[in-house]
Amino acid sequence: MRIRHVRSGQAVDEPGKLPSVIKTEKGKCLTTTIFVKYYYEVKSGGNRLVSIVVAALPSGMLQARYNPTAQDTIWRAGRNAQSLGEVFRVRLVFDWLKEKRNWRVQRIPMTPQPFNWED
């Protein structure tokens, strides 16, 4: 998937690092990326895991649906200083991805809280 977003007021269109399809000994396989983010409650004496967010980034074949332009995006500029030669980085905005397809972002609370799959 291409990375299209606005950075410092300028439209950015960078190629992603994964191809939409990879070839294996079993044939062609669609690529997707899964992000997992852990949320903790900070307490003295240790942290407590509150929830886990799992996000499924779509294949580049779905570019037109998920990130057709720099303004219609799921990305936000990441922490890197291009002036210092740092590698280009972006952040996936879970809320923006969820707005496009709710099921692609799931918040899984820790027990005893119930988990319900969001379609």
C-alpha atoms as a PDB file:
ATOM      1  CA  MET A   1       0.000   0.000   0.000  1.00  0.00           C
ATOM      2  CA  ARG A   2       1.204   3.478  -0.785  1.00  0.00           C
ATOM      3  CA  ILE A   3       1.433   5.909   2.132  1.00  0.00           C
ATOM      4  CA  ARG A   4      -0.602   8.990   1.227  1.00  0.00           C
ATOM      5  CA  HIS A   5      -1.005  11.728   3.825  1.00  0.00           C
ATOM      6  CA  VAL A   6      -0.319  15.394   4.495  1.00  0.00           C
ATOM      7  CA  ARG A   7       2.916  16.294   6.270  1.00  0.00           C
ATOM      8  CA  SER A   8       3.809  19.891   7.125  1.00  0.00           C
ATOM      9  CA  GLY A   9       1.050  21.086   4.800  1.00  0.00           C
ATOM     10  CA  GLN A  10       2.401  19.098   1.814  1.00  0.00           C
ATOM     11  CA  ALA A  11       0.839  16.016   0.221  1.00  0.00           C
ATOM     12  CA  VAL A  12       3.092  12.946   0.567  1.00  0.00           C
ATOM     13  CA  ASP A  13       2.847   9.787  -1.559  1.00  0.00           C
ATOM     14  CA  GLU A  14       5.445   7.171  -0.566  1.00  0.00           C
ATOM     15  CA  PRO A  15       5.536   3.545  -1.691  1.00  0.00           C
ATOM     16  CA  GLY A  16       5.055   0.967   1.044  1.00  0.00           C
ATOM     17  CA  LYS A  17       7.706  -1.675   1.660  1.00  0.00           C
ATOM     18  CA  LEU A  18       5.520  -4.765   1.132  1.00  0.00           C
ATOM     19  CA  PRO A  19       4.148  -5.848  -2.240  1.00  0.00           C
ATOM     20  CA  SER A  20       0.365  -6.432  -2.492  1.00  0.00           C
ATOM     21  CA  VAL A  21       1.024 -10.077  -3.339  1.00  0.00           C
ATOM     22  CA  ILE A  22       4.001 -12.286  -2.585  1.00  0.00           C
ATOM     23  CA  LYS A  23       4.931 -15.452  -4.436  1.00  0.00           C
ATOM     24  CA  THR A  24       5.616 -18.558  -2.375  1.00  0.00           C
ATOM     25  CA  GLU A  25       6.177 -22.213  -3.193  1.00  0.00           C
ATOM     26  CA  LYS A  26       2.403 -22.654  -2.658  1.00  0.00           C
ATOM     27  CA  GLY A  27       1.465 -19.867  -5.068  1.00  0.00           C
ATOM     28  CA  LYS A  28       0.515 -16.219  -4.719  1.00  0.00           C
ATOM     29  CA  CYS A  29      -0.430 -14.895  -1.285  1.00  0.00           C
ATOM     30  CA  LEU A  30      -2.162 -11.642  -0.426  1.00  0.00           C
ATOM     31  CA  THR A  31      -0.171  -9.580   2.067  1.00  0.00           C
ATOM     32  CA  THR A  32      -1.662  -7.844   5.073  1.00  0.00           C
ATOM     33  CA  THR A  33      -0.112  -6.408   8.207  1.00  0.00           C
ATOM     34  CA  ILE A  34      -1.456  -6.853  11.731  1.00  0.00           C
ATOM     35  CA  PHE A  35      -0.672  -4.228  14.382  1.00  0.00           C
ATOM     36  CA  VAL A  36      -1.009  -4.976  18.089  1.00  0.00           C
ATOM     37  CA  LYS A  37      -0.974  -2.175  20.655  1.00  0.00           C
ATOM     38  CA  TYR A  38      -1.012  -2.740  24.410  1.00  0.00           C
ATOM     39  CA  TYR A  39      -2.697  -0.249  26.775  1.00  0.00           C
ATOM     40  CA  TYR A  40      -1.571  -0.173  30.396  1.00  0.00           C
ATOM     41  CA  GLU A  41      -2.804   1.548  33.523  1.00  0.00           C
ATOM     42  CA  VAL A  42       0.234   2.972  35.296  1.00  0.00           C
ATOM     43  CA  LYS A  43       0.215   2.247  39.015  1.00  0.00           C
ATOM     44  CA  SER A  44       2.830   2.438  41.716  1.00  0.00           C
ATOM     45  CA  GLY A  45       4.200  -1.037  42.203  1.00  0.00           C
ATOM     46  CA  GLY A  46       3.598  -2.097  38.596  1.00  0.00           C
ATOM     47  CA  ASN A  47       1.492  -1.575  35.523  1.00  0.00           C
ATOM     48  CA  ARG A  48      -1.779  -3.347  34.745  1.00  0.00           C
ATOM     49  CA  LEU A  49      -2.704  -4.394  31.203  1.00  0.00           C
ATOM     50  CA  VAL A  50      -6.130  -2.849  30.473  1.00  0.00           C
ATOM     51  CA  SER A  51      -6.713  -3.750  26.816  1.00  0.00           C
ATOM     52  CA  ILE A  52      -5.133  -4.767  23.549  1.00  0.00           C
ATOM     53  CA  VAL A  53      -5.981  -3.206  20.178  1.00  0.00           C
ATOM     54  CA  VAL A  54      -5.552  -5.364  17.076  1.00  0.00           C
ATOM     55  CA  ALA A  55      -5.642  -3.598  13.696  1.00  0.00           C
ATOM     56  CA  ALA A  56      -5.592  -5.254  10.276  1.00  0.00           C
ATOM     57  CA  LEU A  57      -3.988  -3.037   7.628  1.00  0.00           C
ATOM     58  CA  PRO A  58      -5.441  -3.878   4.216  1.00  0.00           C
ATOM     59  CA  SER A  59      -3.489  -5.046   1.202  1.00  0.00           C
ATOM     60  CA  GLY A  60      -2.324  -2.465  -1.294  1.00  0.00           C
ATOM     61  CA  MET A  61      -4.960  -3.842  -3.673  1.00  0.00           C
ATOM     62  CA  LEU A  62      -7.468  -1.912  -1.552  1.00  0.00           C
ATOM     63  CA  GLN A  63      -5.642   1.419  -1.843  1.00  0.00           C
ATOM     64  CA  ALA A  64      -8.618   3.163  -3.492  1.00  0.00           C
ATOM     65  CA  ARG A  65     -10.907   2.258  -0.583  1.00  0.00           C
ATOM     66  CA  TYR A  66      -8.605   2.995   2.354  1.00  0.00           C
ATOM     67  CA  ASN A  67      -6.140   5.679   1.237  1.00  0.00           C
ATOM     68  CA  PRO A  68      -7.040   7.100  -2.174  1.00  0.00           C
ATOM     69  CA  THR A  69      -5.524  10.561  -1.559  1.00  0.00           C
ATOM     70  CA  ALA A  70      -3.333  12.403   0.917  1.00  0.00           C
ATOM     71  CA  GLN A  71      -6.466  14.007   2.360  1.00  0.00           C
ATOM     72  CA  ASP A  72      -8.505  10.769   2.536  1.00  0.00           C
ATOM     73  CA  THR A  73      -6.034   8.790   4.582  1.00  0.00           C
ATOM     74  CA  ILE A  74      -5.441   6.419   7.476  1.00  0.00           C
ATOM     75  CA  TRP A  75      -1.912   7.759   8.155  1.00  0.00           C
ATOM     76  CA  ARG A  76      -0.396  10.530  10.277  1.00  0.00           C
ATOM     77  CA  ALA A  77       3.183  11.771  10.126  1.00  0.00           C
ATOM     78  CA  GLY A  78       5.541   9.787  12.349  1.00  0.00           C
ATOM     79  CA  ARG A  79       8.423  10.902  14.499  1.00  0.00           C
ATOM     80  CA  ASN A  80      11.397  11.339  12.239  1.00  0.00           C
ATOM     81  CA  ALA A  81      13.596  14.254  11.305  1.00  0.00           C
ATOM     82  CA  GLN A  82      14.162  14.222   7.574  1.00  0.00           C
ATOM     83  CA  SER A  83      16.633  17.088   8.028  1.00  0.00           C
ATOM     84  CA  LEU A  84      18.776  14.681  10.091  1.00  0.00           C
ATOM     85  CA  GLY A  85      18.515  11.896   7.521  1.00  0.00           C
ATOM     86  CA  GLU A  86      16.178   9.762   9.605  1.00  0.00           C
ATOM     87  CA  VAL A  87      14.103   7.106   7.859  1.00  0.00           C
ATOM     88  CA  PHE A  88      10.572   8.053   6.771  1.00  0.00           C
ATOM     89  CA  ARG A  89       7.967   6.969   9.332  1.00  0.00           C
ATOM     90  CA  VAL A  90       4.199   7.254   9.663  1.00  0.00           C
ATOM     91  CA  ARG A  91       1.604   6.201  12.206  1.00  0.00           C
ATOM     92  CA  LEU A  92      -1.549   4.261  11.462  1.00  0.00           C
ATOM     93  CA  VAL A  93      -4.527   6.148  12.937  1.00  0.00           C
ATOM     94  CA  PHE A  94      -6.779   3.426  14.345  1.00  0.00           C
ATOM     95  CA  ASP A  95      -9.851   5.694  14.494  1.00  0.00           C
ATOM     96  CA  TRP A  96      -9.523   6.658  10.812  1.00  0.00           C
ATOM     97  CA  LEU A  97      -9.139   3.010   9.768  1.00  0.00           C
ATOM     98  CA  LYS A  98     -12.099   2.045  11.957  1.00  0.00           C
ATOM     99  CA  GLU A  99     -14.244   4.733  10.277  1.00  0.00           C
ATOM    100  CA  LYS A 100     -13.571   3.100   6.920  1.00  0.00           C
ATOM    101  CA  ARG A 101     -14.197  -0.504   8.045  1.00  0.00           C
ATOM    102  CA  ASN A 102     -15.157  -0.987  11.670  1.00  0.00           C
ATOM    103  CA  TRP A 103     -14.068  -4.639  11.865  1.00  0.00           C
ATOM    104  CA  ARG A 104     -10.432  -3.816  10.980  1.00  0.00           C
ATOM    105  CA  VAL A 105      -9.785  -2.408  14.491  1.00  0.00           C
ATOM    106  CA  GLN A 106     -10.757  -4.432  17.549  1.00  0.00           C
ATOM    107  CA  ARG A 107     -10.245  -3.395  21.181  1.00  0.00           C
ATOM    108  CA  ILE A 108      -9.915  -6.467  23.385  1.00  0.00           C
ATOM    109  CA  PRO A 109     -10.428  -5.671  27.076  1.00  0.00           C
ATOM    110  CA  MET A 110      -8.836  -7.800  29.756  1.00  0.00           C
ATOM    111  CA  THR A 111     -11.011 -10.049  31.887  1.00  0.00           C
ATOM    112  CA  PRO A 112     -13.415  -9.711  33.569  1.00  0.00           C
ATOM    113  CA  GLN A 113     -14.591  -7.265  30.863  1.00  0.00           C
ATOM    114  CA  PRO A 114     -16.415  -9.006  28.008  1.00  0.00           C
ATOM    115  CA  PHE A 115     -15.151  -8.847  24.435  1.00  0.00           C
ATOM    116  CA  ASN A 116     -17.563  -8.445  21.536  1.00  0.00           C
ATOM    117  CA  TRP A 117     -16.338  -8.561  17.942  1.00  0.00           C
ATOM    118  CA  GLU A 118     -17.205  -5.324  16.132  1.00  0.00           C
ATOM    119  CA  ASP A 119     -18.463  -5.865  12.587  1.00  0.00           C
END
